[in-house]
């Protein structure tokens, strides 16, 4: 069996409408390519980039029948391994955000950063070297 590409989508906990909308589009595109979407969320909240990307992937699955393959590495909470949904794995690590970010930064083959709000940016500092490409994006200008 061929290994699927893992695409990471990162952003902030407080996104704006345009960024959440972009994250949903990215999630839908990941589903269309049958890649694995990796974020730091659980598909619970559309206002966060990480969850909006997963929501977009799930919406694309509902619309087209393509399988949304989701992986969420969650920092807070008691350790938990949740694979109760088909093609989804959510791991609650009980790690700090920085420790979790290191995992999410080196795991994907491609890493996409979306801006969280005008005037704010996502900062990426990792002691680990990425092997794949990283893409940085922000809200579209009107």
Protein backbone atom coordinates (compact mmCIF):
# COMPACT_ATOMS: atom_id res chain seq x y z
CA UNK A 1 0.00 0.00 0.00
CA UNK A 2 1.30 3.44 -0.93
CA UNK A 3 1.99 5.89 1.89
CA UNK A 4 -0.37 8.88 1.90
CA UNK A 5 0.94 12.42 2.11
CA UNK A 6 0.42 14.12 5.47
CA UNK A 7 -0.50 17.81 5.21
CA UNK A 8 -0.36 19.88 8.39
CA UNK A 9 -2.47 23.02 8.81
CA UNK A 10 -1.48 25.34 11.64
CA UNK A 11 -2.88 28.64 12.84
CA UNK A 12 -4.09 30.27 15.99
CA UNK A 13 -6.82 29.63 18.50
CA UNK A 14 -8.57 32.87 17.59
CA UNK A 15 -8.95 33.22 13.84
CA UNK A 16 -11.01 35.67 11.87
CA UNK A 17 -13.76 34.78 9.42
CA UNK A 18 -11.60 34.99 6.29
CA UNK A 19 -8.87 32.81 7.80
CA UNK A 20 -11.36 30.21 9.03
CA UNK A 21 -12.91 30.20 5.55
CA UNK A 22 -9.45 29.69 3.99
CA UNK A 23 -8.76 26.87 6.45
CA UNK A 24 -12.01 25.15 5.43
CA UNK A 25 -10.98 25.38 1.76
CA UNK A 26 -7.57 23.90 2.55
CA UNK A 27 -9.22 21.06 4.47
CA UNK A 28 -11.52 20.35 1.53
CA UNK A 29 -8.54 20.26 -0.85
CA UNK A 30 -6.70 17.82 1.42
CA UNK A 31 -9.73 15.51 1.28
CA UNK A 32 -9.89 15.80 -2.52
CA UNK A 33 -6.25 14.72 -2.80
CA UNK A 34 -6.91 11.81 -0.41
CA UNK A 35 -4.07 13.00 1.82
CA UNK A 36 -4.08 12.98 5.62
CA UNK A 37 -4.92 16.27 7.36
CA UNK A 38 -2.94 16.89 10.56
CA UNK A 39 -3.87 19.72 12.92
CA UNK A 40 -3.80 20.43 16.64
CA UNK A 41 -7.59 20.20 16.95
CA UNK A 42 -10.52 17.85 17.12
CA UNK A 43 -13.04 19.27 14.61
CA UNK A 44 -15.09 20.87 17.41
CA UNK A 45 -15.01 24.60 16.74
CA UNK A 46 -15.15 26.44 13.41
CA UNK A 47 -13.53 29.61 14.78
CA UNK A 48 -10.09 28.03 15.20
CA UNK A 49 -7.94 27.38 12.12
CA UNK A 50 -7.17 23.82 13.21
CA UNK A 51 -10.82 22.89 13.65
CA UNK A 52 -12.04 24.84 10.60
CA UNK A 53 -9.62 22.89 8.38
CA UNK A 54 -11.02 19.62 9.73
CA UNK A 55 -14.59 20.87 9.28
CA UNK A 56 -13.79 21.71 5.65
CA UNK A 57 -12.42 18.20 5.15
CA UNK A 58 -15.52 16.61 6.70
CA UNK A 59 -17.84 18.87 4.67
CA UNK A 60 -16.02 17.79 1.48
CA UNK A 61 -16.51 14.16 2.49
CA UNK A 62 -20.25 14.76 2.92
CA UNK A 63 -20.44 16.61 -0.40
CA UNK A 64 -18.37 14.26 -2.61
CA UNK A 65 -18.05 10.97 -0.76
CA UNK A 66 -14.23 11.28 -0.72
CA UNK A 67 -12.82 10.05 2.58
CA UNK A 68 -11.59 12.71 5.02
CA UNK A 69 -8.54 11.32 6.80
CA UNK A 70 -8.01 13.40 9.95
CA UNK A 71 -5.33 13.37 12.62
CA UNK A 72 -5.42 15.74 15.59
CA UNK A 73 -2.59 16.00 18.08
CA UNK A 74 -4.15 17.85 21.02
CA UNK A 75 -2.00 19.36 23.80
CA UNK A 76 -4.23 19.70 26.86
CA UNK A 77 -6.18 17.19 28.86
CA UNK A 78 -5.61 13.69 30.12
CA UNK A 79 -3.83 11.37 27.71
CA UNK A 80 -6.29 9.77 25.34
CA UNK A 81 -6.22 7.88 22.04
CA UNK A 82 -9.54 8.37 20.21
CA UNK A 83 -10.16 6.49 17.00
CA UNK A 84 -13.92 6.19 17.43
CA UNK A 85 -14.60 7.89 14.05
CA UNK A 86 -13.66 6.13 10.82
CA UNK A 87 -10.42 7.43 9.29
CA UNK A 88 -9.86 9.78 12.25
CA UNK A 89 -7.30 9.68 15.02
CA UNK A 90 -7.25 12.22 17.84
CA UNK A 91 -4.47 11.96 20.39
CA UNK A 92 -4.69 14.04 23.56
CA UNK A 93 -1.09 14.21 24.72
CA UNK A 94 -1.15 16.10 28.04
CA UNK A 95 1.83 18.06 26.65
CA UNK A 96 2.30 21.82 26.62
CA UNK A 97 1.46 23.67 23.39
CA UNK A 98 5.19 24.05 22.63
CA UNK A 99 5.85 20.34 23.05
CA UNK A 100 2.82 19.43 20.94
CA UNK A 101 3.83 21.98 18.28
CA UNK A 102 7.16 20.18 17.87
CA UNK A 103 5.26 16.98 16.99
CA UNK A 104 2.91 18.79 14.61
CA UNK A 105 5.85 20.62 13.03
CA UNK A 106 7.96 17.62 12.05
CA UNK A 107 5.29 15.00 11.30
CA UNK A 108 3.68 16.36 8.10
CA UNK A 109 5.25 16.16 4.64
CA UNK A 110 3.90 19.67 3.94
CA UNK A 111 3.08 22.31 6.55
CA UNK A 112 0.69 25.20 5.87
CA UNK A 113 0.51 28.18 8.25
CA UNK A 114 -2.49 30.51 8.11
CA UNK A 115 -2.49 33.95 9.70
CA UNK A 116 -4.65 34.31 12.74
CA UNK A 117 -5.73 37.97 12.50
CA UNK A 118 -4.66 41.23 10.90
CA UNK A 119 -1.52 42.48 12.61
CA UNK A 120 -0.79 39.13 14.26
CA UNK A 121 1.22 36.30 12.85
CA UNK A 122 1.85 32.69 13.68
CA UNK A 123 5.36 32.25 14.93
CA UNK A 124 7.15 29.01 14.24
CA UNK A 125 10.15 28.18 16.34
CA UNK A 126 11.21 24.60 16.52
CA UNK A 127 14.50 23.02 17.51
CA UNK A 128 13.71 20.30 14.95
CA UNK A 129 14.44 20.55 11.26
CA UNK A 130 11.60 20.15 8.81
CA UNK A 131 12.25 17.91 5.85
CA UNK A 132 9.29 19.09 3.78
CA UNK A 133 8.09 22.45 2.51
CA UNK A 134 6.35 25.05 4.64
CA UNK A 135 3.82 27.51 3.23
CA UNK A 136 2.78 30.75 4.94
CA UNK A 137 -0.49 32.49 4.14
CA UNK A 138 -2.62 35.27 5.49
CA UNK A 139 -6.05 36.73 5.00
CA UNK A 140 -6.83 37.93 1.49
CA UNK A 141 -6.88 41.68 1.03
CA UNK A 142 -10.24 43.05 0.00
